[in-house]
Amino acid sequence: MPAAQHAAPAPRWDAVVIGGGFYGCAVATYLARRRGLASVLLLEQDMALMQRASYNNQARVHNGYHYPRSFTTAQRSRVNLPNFVRDWPSAVHADFIKLYAIARRNSKVTARQFQRFCKEIGAVLQPADTAMRQLFDSRYIEDVFVVQEYAFDSSRLAALALADLQAAGVQMRLGHTVTALHRSADGLALQVQGPQPQDVQAVAARRVFNCTYSGLNHIGGDHPGALTQLKHELTEMALVEVPPALRQVGVTVMDGPFFSCMPFPSQRLHTLSHVRYTPHAHWNDTPAVNPYRRLAGYERDSRFDRMLRDSSRYLPALAGAQYRQSLFEVKTILCKNEGDDGRPILFERSAGLPGLYSILGGKIDNIYDVLEKLDAEPLA
């Protein structure tokens, strides 16, 4: 029997947040700073914050353009972007030209439909000038527009999130994994595995906020899992050094089996992602397959060559991009939004385990939708 089980009863925390990604950090800071909870503990299995999906992504701050088939997601992006820029200004990069190009064939929206959509959501849209248009092959591209969309520096954002946690008085335990969650007489009991095999701890909490993203349903004990069905993808984001003509440019070709090439400020490179080649595998969430274990065992053969070959047909200047490395990660989405590309949050209060909340976001700026939900919760 682990020695921790013979120790005195653990003090009960007002709230425990599981997961040190951007969402977990923001939720923990919110609970301490805006809701006044006296004792908040953040548990993260890695030895640093924001090392997984919060870093291994496209680093795009959405402004609605990406979602012509999900009006609600587009509108929420329009609401959330100015809040994100206000709260994290030193992590936001706006010093590049962002282009959206509409493909002539196989696009699910035409240029005219895209213009009408942007007008409906109030998003800035301007025709690209001749120099920008000449970057593209007009045989494959119907029209090109300059839009207002930003990138964020993941490393800078992590440093800011850490500073906020410390200022708010949130306690952190890095290298700690929650293996089981149980009911207790006065709240919830967590079994926590520390960095060493013999380091098993008991943690008691009035409330638990599960922000483990792809690991949302992979905690043992009485943890019931989320009711909403989830889908996982093993994804590859290629990091490239683009040719000089594209260094201050971000490109998204819409809307279907196309690609994006976005600045990745934390490494001063660009990400290249392709709807067809970025996902390497996918499966519906099941207790039998732990997403992070599957990622750890994946061979990670890059598909950069295929991404580049297809993308260069539309954007010939991209052919000179130099591959640097790939970021492999698990991407988790709600199955119900697979067809419309919507990216709403998942926010579930457990009926079977009072005090447990399951939280998952589709993109970085969705955090404000989570905080809005929490505003309505009686947490005193």
Protein backbone atom coordinates (compact mmCIF):
# COMPACT_ATOMS: atom_id res chain seq x y z
CA MET A 1 0.00 0.00 0.00
CA PRO A 2 1.49 3.42 -0.95
CA ALA A 3 2.82 5.40 2.00
CA ALA A 4 0.62 8.36 1.05
CA GLN A 5 -2.44 6.37 2.14
CA HIS A 6 -1.15 6.31 5.74
CA ALA A 7 -0.71 10.08 5.89
CA ALA A 8 -3.09 12.47 7.63
CA PRO A 9 -6.20 13.43 5.64
CA ALA A 10 -5.36 15.85 2.87
CA PRO A 11 -6.60 19.44 3.24
CA ARG A 12 -9.56 20.14 0.99
CA TRP A 13 -9.03 22.62 -1.85
CA ASP A 14 -11.83 24.97 -2.91
CA ALA A 15 -11.07 23.94 -6.50
CA VAL A 16 -8.68 21.66 -8.35
CA VAL A 17 -8.05 22.25 -12.05
CA ILE A 18 -6.68 19.29 -13.99
CA GLY A 19 -4.62 20.25 -17.01
CA GLY A 20 -2.06 23.03 -17.46
CA GLY A 21 -2.89 23.98 -21.01
CA PHE A 22 -4.13 27.48 -21.81
CA TYR A 23 -7.68 26.64 -20.76
CA GLY A 24 -6.65 25.09 -17.45
CA CYS A 25 -4.40 28.07 -16.65
CA ALA A 26 -7.11 30.58 -17.53
CA VAL A 27 -9.79 28.73 -15.55
CA ALA A 28 -7.56 28.43 -12.46
CA THR A 29 -6.67 32.14 -12.59
CA TYR A 30 -10.34 33.06 -13.06
CA LEU A 31 -11.43 30.98 -10.04
CA ALA A 32 -8.85 32.62 -7.77
CA ARG A 33 -8.98 36.17 -9.09
CA ARG A 34 -12.55 36.76 -10.25
CA ARG A 35 -14.48 34.31 -8.10
CA GLY A 36 -12.39 34.76 -4.97
CA LEU A 37 -11.77 31.08 -4.18
CA ALA A 38 -9.19 30.99 -1.42
CA SER A 39 -7.43 27.77 -2.40
CA VAL A 40 -7.01 26.70 -6.03
CA LEU A 41 -4.66 23.91 -7.15
CA LEU A 42 -3.55 23.29 -10.74
CA LEU A 43 -2.29 19.80 -11.64
CA GLU A 44 -0.34 19.25 -14.86
CA GLN A 45 1.28 16.01 -16.00
CA ASP A 46 4.11 17.70 -17.93
CA MET A 47 6.97 19.50 -16.22
CA ALA A 48 5.95 22.83 -17.77
CA LEU A 49 2.70 24.55 -18.70
CA MET A 50 1.15 24.66 -22.19
CA GLN A 51 3.34 22.00 -23.79
CA ARG A 52 0.69 20.09 -25.75
CA ALA A 53 -2.23 21.32 -27.85
CA SER A 54 -1.78 24.87 -26.55
CA TYR A 55 1.63 24.95 -28.26
CA ASN A 56 1.34 22.42 -31.07
CA ASN A 57 -1.22 24.26 -33.16
CA GLN A 58 -1.58 26.80 -35.92
CA ALA A 59 -1.22 29.77 -33.50
CA ARG A 60 -4.13 31.55 -35.17
CA VAL A 61 -6.38 34.03 -33.36
CA HIS A 62 -9.59 33.56 -35.32
CA ASN A 63 -11.81 36.42 -36.43
CA GLY A 64 -14.61 34.39 -37.99
CA TYR A 65 -13.37 34.04 -41.58
CA HIS A 66 -12.58 30.36 -41.21
CA TYR A 67 -16.17 29.30 -40.51
CA PRO A 68 -18.54 30.19 -43.37
CA ARG A 69 -20.43 26.95 -42.64
CA SER A 70 -20.84 27.65 -38.93
CA PHE A 71 -22.31 31.10 -38.37
CA THR A 72 -22.36 30.68 -34.57
CA THR A 73 -18.63 29.85 -34.38
CA ALA A 74 -17.84 32.76 -36.69
CA GLN A 75 -19.84 35.18 -34.57
CA ARG A 76 -18.20 33.98 -31.34
CA SER A 77 -14.78 34.50 -32.92
CA ARG A 78 -15.77 38.06 -33.82
CA VAL A 79 -16.78 38.69 -30.19
CA ASN A 80 -13.77 36.96 -28.64
CA LEU A 81 -10.87 38.25 -30.77
CA PRO A 82 -10.87 41.82 -29.37
CA ASN A 83 -11.01 40.39 -25.83
CA PHE A 84 -8.01 38.16 -26.52
CA VAL A 85 -6.04 41.06 -28.02
CA ARG A 86 -6.93 43.22 -25.00
CA ASP A 87 -5.90 40.59 -22.42
CA TRP A 88 -2.76 39.18 -24.08
CA PRO A 89 -1.38 42.05 -26.20
CA SER A 90 2.29 41.14 -25.93
CA ALA A 91 1.56 37.60 -27.18
CA VAL A 92 -0.43 38.75 -30.23
CA HIS A 93 1.32 39.31 -33.56
CA ALA A 94 -0.47 41.44 -36.15
CA ASP A 95 2.59 42.46 -38.18
CA PHE A 96 1.77 40.41 -41.27
CA ILE A 97 -0.70 40.49 -44.14
CA LYS A 98 -3.40 37.82 -43.85
CA LEU A 99 -4.89 36.55 -47.10
CA TYR A 100 -7.89 34.33 -47.69
CA ALA A 101 -8.03 32.87 -51.19
CA ILE A 102 -11.06 31.08 -52.63
CA ALA A 103 -10.35 28.05 -54.82
CA ARG A 104 -12.02 27.83 -58.24
CA ARG A 105 -12.80 24.13 -57.89
CA ASN A 106 -13.95 21.95 -55.00
CA SER A 107 -14.52 24.87 -52.67
CA LYS A 108 -17.69 24.73 -50.59
CA VAL A 109 -18.08 28.51 -50.90
CA THR A 110 -17.61 30.83 -53.86
CA ALA A 111 -15.87 34.19 -53.66
CA ARG A 112 -19.23 35.96 -53.76
CA GLN A 113 -20.61 33.77 -50.99
CA PHE A 114 -17.51 34.42 -48.90
CA GLN A 115 -17.91 38.17 -49.35
CA ARG A 116 -21.56 37.99 -48.33
CA PHE A 117 -20.69 35.88 -45.29
CA CYS A 118 -18.05 38.37 -44.12
CA LYS A 119 -20.52 41.22 -44.50
CA GLU A 120 -23.09 39.34 -42.41
CA ILE A 121 -20.67 38.81 -39.51
CA GLY A 122 -19.17 42.30 -39.80
CA ALA A 123 -15.66 41.09 -40.64
CA VAL A 124 -13.24 43.41 -42.48
CA LEU A 125 -12.61 42.23 -46.05
CA GLN A 126 -10.71 43.97 -48.85
CA PRO A 127 -9.66 42.86 -52.34
CA ALA A 128 -5.97 41.96 -52.44
CA ASP A 129 -3.71 44.20 -54.50
CA THR A 130 -1.97 43.06 -57.67
CA ALA A 131 1.26 42.08 -55.92
CA MET A 132 -0.59 39.81 -53.50
CA ARG A 133 -2.73 38.27 -56.24
CA GLN A 134 0.35 37.43 -58.26
CA LEU A 135 1.49 35.09 -55.49
CA PHE A 136 -1.32 32.73 -56.56
CA ASP A 137 -2.04 30.73 -59.71
CA SER A 138 -5.22 32.26 -61.15
CA ARG A 139 -6.11 28.96 -62.83
CA TYR A 140 -6.83 27.51 -59.40
CA ILE A 141 -7.79 30.58 -57.37
CA GLU A 142 -11.00 32.53 -58.00
CA ASP A 143 -10.30 35.54 -55.78
CA VAL A 144 -7.99 36.76 -53.00
CA PHE A 145 -8.89 38.97 -50.03
CA VAL A 146 -6.99 40.78 -47.29
CA VAL A 147 -8.54 40.16 -43.89
CA GLN A 148 -7.96 41.09 -40.26
CA GLU A 149 -6.63 38.03 -38.45
CA TYR A 150 -3.72 37.52 -36.06
CA ALA A 151 -1.23 34.97 -34.75
CA PHE A 152 -0.09 34.39 -31.19
CA ASP A 153 3.26 33.48 -29.70
CA SER A 154 2.65 30.25 -27.77
CA SER A 155 5.79 30.55 -25.65
CA ARG A 156 5.02 34.14 -24.70
CA LEU A 157 1.42 33.20 -23.89
CA ALA A 158 2.64 30.42 -21.58
CA ALA A 159 4.93 32.85 -19.74
CA LEU A 160 2.07 35.31 -19.29
CA ALA A 161 -0.28 32.57 -18.09
CA LEU A 162 2.30 31.44 -15.53
CA ALA A 163 2.71 35.00 -14.24
CA ASP A 164 -1.06 35.34 -13.88
CA LEU A 165 -1.31 32.07 -11.94
CA GLN A 166 1.41 33.17 -9.56
CA ALA A 167 -0.11 36.62 -9.06
CA ALA A 168 -3.52 35.07 -8.36
CA GLY A 169 -2.07 32.75 -5.71
CA VAL A 170 -2.85 29.53 -7.57
CA GLN A 171 -0.77 26.59 -6.34
CA MET A 172 0.76 24.37 -9.05
CA ARG A 173 2.06 20.83 -9.10
CA LEU A 174 3.85 20.02 -12.33
CA GLY A 175 4.67 16.45 -13.30
CA HIS A 176 1.50 15.25 -11.54
CA THR A 177 -1.14 13.09 -13.26
CA VAL A 178 -4.65 12.48 -11.93
CA THR A 179 -5.24 8.74 -12.25
CA ALA A 180 -8.62 8.45 -10.48
CA LEU A 181 -11.43 10.60 -9.17
CA HIS A 182 -13.84 9.41 -6.46
CA ARG A 183 -16.82 10.65 -4.51
CA SER A 184 -16.10 11.52 -0.89
CA ALA A 185 -18.23 12.44 2.09
CA ASP A 186 -17.62 16.16 1.64
CA GLY A 187 -16.68 16.58 -2.02
CA LEU A 188 -14.31 14.85 -4.40
CA ALA A 189 -11.14 12.81 -3.85
CA LEU A 190 -8.38 12.63 -6.45
CA GLN A 191 -5.63 10.07 -6.69
CA VAL A 192 -2.54 11.76 -8.08
CA GLN A 193 0.64 10.19 -9.42
CA GLY A 194 3.71 12.36 -8.89
CA PRO A 195 6.95 12.38 -10.89
CA GLN A 196 8.33 9.30 -9.10
CA PRO A 197 6.62 5.87 -9.15
CA GLN A 198 6.31 5.80 -5.35
CA ASP A 199 4.86 9.31 -5.24
CA VAL A 200 1.11 8.66 -4.98
CA GLN A 201 -0.89 11.43 -3.36
CA ALA A 202 -4.46 12.00 -2.22
CA VAL A 203 -6.03 15.36 -2.98
CA ALA A 204 -9.45 16.49 -1.70
CA ALA A 205 -11.52 19.17 -3.41
CA ARG A 206 -14.92 20.82 -3.25
CA ARG A 207 -14.91 21.13 -7.05
CA VAL A 208 -12.84 19.71 -9.90
CA PHE A 209 -12.47 21.28 -13.36
CA ASN A 210 -11.25 18.76 -15.91
CA CYS A 211 -9.42 20.70 -18.64
CA THR A 212 -7.32 17.82 -19.97
CA TYR A 213 -8.46 18.25 -23.61
CA SER A 214 -7.86 14.90 -25.34
CA GLY A 215 -7.59 13.17 -21.95
CA LEU A 216 -11.02 14.39 -20.87
CA ASN A 217 -12.52 10.90 -20.55
CA HIS A 218 -9.41 9.04 -19.45
CA ILE A 219 -9.46 9.39 -15.67
CA GLY A 220 -10.37 6.32 -13.63
CA GLY A 221 -12.42 5.79 -10.49
CA ASP A 222 -15.92 7.29 -10.38
CA HIS A 223 -15.18 9.75 -13.18
CA PRO A 224 -18.18 9.43 -15.53
CA GLY A 225 -16.66 11.07 -18.61
CA ALA A 226 -18.33 13.68 -20.77
CA LEU A 227 -21.74 12.95 -22.25
CA THR A 228 -20.86 14.64 -25.56
CA GLN A 229 -19.22 12.28 -28.03
CA LEU A 230 -15.64 13.19 -28.95
CA LYS A 231 -13.44 12.45 -31.94
CA HIS A 232 -9.64 12.45 -31.88
CA GLU A 233 -7.16 13.03 -34.69
CA LEU A 234 -3.41 12.49 -34.77
CA THR A 235 -2.23 15.60 -36.55
CA GLU A 236 0.94 17.02 -38.05
CA MET A 237 1.73 20.70 -38.25
CA ALA A 238 4.82 21.24 -40.42
CA LEU A 239 7.12 24.11 -39.44
CA VAL A 240 8.77 25.73 -42.44
CA GLU A 241 10.92 28.66 -43.40
CA VAL A 242 9.04 30.33 -46.22
CA PRO A 243 10.60 32.25 -49.13
CA PRO A 244 11.09 36.02 -48.67
CA ALA A 245 7.88 36.88 -50.57
CA LEU A 246 5.82 35.08 -47.92
CA ARG A 247 7.66 35.95 -44.70
CA GLN A 248 5.22 38.71 -43.74
CA VAL A 249 2.19 36.91 -45.15
CA GLY A 250 -0.30 34.36 -43.85
CA VAL A 251 -2.43 32.41 -46.32
CA THR A 252 -5.58 30.31 -46.06
CA VAL A 253 -7.12 28.73 -49.16
CA MET A 254 -10.83 28.08 -48.70
CA ASP A 255 -13.06 26.13 -48.30
CA GLY A 256 -12.56 22.40 -48.43
CA PRO A 257 -9.54 20.10 -48.96
CA PHE A 258 -7.03 22.95 -48.99
CA PHE A 259 -4.37 24.45 -46.75
CA SER A 260 -3.11 27.24 -44.49
CA CYS A 261 0.35 28.73 -44.11
CA MET A 262 0.45 30.87 -40.96
CA PRO A 263 3.21 32.68 -39.04
CA PHE A 264 4.34 30.72 -35.96
CA PRO A 265 5.84 33.51 -33.84
CA SER A 266 7.38 31.40 -31.07
CA GLN A 267 9.90 29.95 -33.55
CA ARG A 268 9.87 32.69 -36.20
CA LEU A 269 8.73 30.16 -38.75
CA HIS A 270 5.43 29.36 -40.50
CA THR A 271 3.12 26.42 -40.00
CA LEU A 272 1.95 24.54 -43.06
CA SER A 273 -1.21 22.50 -42.58
CA HIS A 274 -3.36 20.72 -45.12
CA VAL A 275 -6.91 19.48 -44.65
CA ARG A 276 -6.06 16.20 -46.41
CA TYR A 277 -2.57 15.50 -45.03
CA THR A 278 -2.45 17.08 -41.57
CA PRO A 279 -4.70 14.38 -40.02
CA HIS A 280 -2.74 11.10 -39.90
CA ALA A 281 -5.38 9.03 -38.11
CA HIS A 282 -8.73 9.50 -36.43
CA TRP A 283 -11.06 7.59 -34.11
CA ASN A 284 -14.04 8.18 -31.87
CA ASP A 285 -13.18 8.46 -28.20
CA THR A 286 -13.21 5.14 -26.36
CA PRO A 287 -11.90 4.12 -22.91
CA ALA A 288 -9.76 1.46 -24.57
CA VAL A 289 -7.56 3.96 -26.45
CA ASN A 290 -5.76 6.65 -24.48
CA PRO A 291 -5.09 9.42 -27.03
CA TYR A 292 -1.80 10.53 -25.49
CA ARG A 293 -0.44 7.00 -25.31
CA ARG A 294 -1.33 6.49 -28.94
CA LEU A 295 0.46 9.72 -29.82
CA ALA A 296 3.52 8.65 -27.82
CA GLY A 297 3.75 5.39 -29.77
CA TYR A 298 3.19 6.92 -33.20
CA GLU A 299 6.07 6.75 -35.72
CA ARG A 300 5.55 10.35 -36.84
CA ASP A 301 6.50 10.06 -40.49
CA SER A 302 6.10 13.52 -41.97
CA ARG A 303 3.72 14.21 -44.87
CA PHE A 304 5.30 17.57 -45.53
CA ASP A 305 6.25 16.63 -49.09
CA ARG A 306 2.60 15.96 -49.96
CA MET A 307 1.42 19.12 -48.19
CA LEU A 308 3.94 21.20 -50.13
CA ARG A 309 3.28 19.55 -53.49
CA ASP A 310 -0.45 20.26 -53.39
CA SER A 311 -0.22 23.70 -51.75
CA SER A 312 2.31 24.92 -54.31
CA ARG A 313 -0.18 24.39 -57.11
CA TYR A 314 -2.27 27.22 -55.66
CA LEU A 315 0.59 29.27 -54.21
CA PRO A 316 3.65 28.72 -56.44
CA ALA A 317 5.90 30.90 -54.23
CA LEU A 318 5.51 28.33 -51.47
CA ALA A 319 7.50 25.77 -53.48
CA GLY A 320 10.70 27.24 -52.06
CA ALA A 321 9.72 26.61 -48.43
CA GLN A 322 12.35 24.81 -46.35
CA TYR A 323 11.16 22.15 -43.92
CA ARG A 324 12.41 22.46 -40.34
CA GLN A 325 10.37 20.08 -38.19
CA SER A 326 6.84 18.85 -37.48
CA LEU A 327 4.64 19.27 -34.44
CA PHE A 328 2.58 16.15 -33.82
CA GLU A 329 -0.42 16.37 -31.51
CA VAL A 330 -3.84 14.97 -30.75
CA LYS A 331 -6.66 17.23 -31.88
CA THR A 332 -10.05 16.65 -30.25
CA ILE A 333 -13.37 17.87 -31.61
CA LEU A 334 -17.06 17.31 -30.92
CA CYS A 335 -18.49 14.68 -33.24
CA LYS A 336 -21.66 16.71 -33.75
CA ASN A 337 -19.66 19.48 -35.48
CA GLU A 338 -17.72 17.30 -37.86
CA GLY A 339 -19.82 18.29 -40.85
CA ASP A 340 -20.02 22.06 -40.40
CA ASP A 341 -16.51 22.80 -39.06
CA GLY A 342 -18.04 24.53 -36.02
CA ARG A 343 -15.79 24.75 -32.97
CA PRO A 344 -17.99 25.40 -29.93
CA ILE A 345 -16.80 24.71 -26.41
CA LEU A 346 -17.80 21.69 -24.37
CA PHE A 347 -18.93 22.73 -20.89
CA GLU A 348 -20.60 20.00 -18.85
CA ARG A 349 -21.53 19.97 -15.19
CA SER A 350 -21.62 16.32 -14.12
CA ALA A 351 -24.97 15.08 -12.86
CA GLY A 352 -23.51 11.85 -11.53
CA LEU A 353 -20.56 13.41 -9.73
CA PRO A 354 -21.54 16.77 -8.17
CA GLY A 355 -18.76 19.33 -8.23
CA LEU A 356 -17.15 17.99 -11.42
CA TYR A 357 -16.96 20.11 -14.58
CA SER A 358 -15.69 18.92 -17.97
CA ILE A 359 -14.33 21.69 -20.22
CA LEU A 360 -12.96 21.52 -23.76
CA GLY A 361 -12.36 24.29 -26.26
CA GLY A 362 -12.06 24.19 -30.02
CA LYS A 363 -9.69 27.13 -30.37
CA ILE A 364 -7.70 29.50 -28.18
CA ASP A 365 -10.16 32.42 -28.17
CA ASN A 366 -13.05 30.16 -27.07
CA ILE A 367 -11.78 30.67 -23.52
CA TYR A 368 -14.15 33.62 -23.16
CA ASP A 369 -17.12 31.33 -23.85
CA VAL A 370 -15.92 29.11 -20.98
CA LEU A 371 -15.52 32.05 -18.60
CA GLU A 372 -18.98 33.29 -19.56
CA LYS A 373 -20.39 29.89 -18.61
CA LEU A 374 -18.51 29.95 -15.32
CA ASP A 375 -19.89 33.40 -14.53
CA ALA A 376 -23.31 31.78 -14.28
CA GLU A 377 -22.16 29.01 -11.91
CA PRO A 378 -22.77 29.31 -8.13
CA LEU A 379 -19.21 28.67 -6.94
CA ALA A 380 -19.30 30.40 -3.53
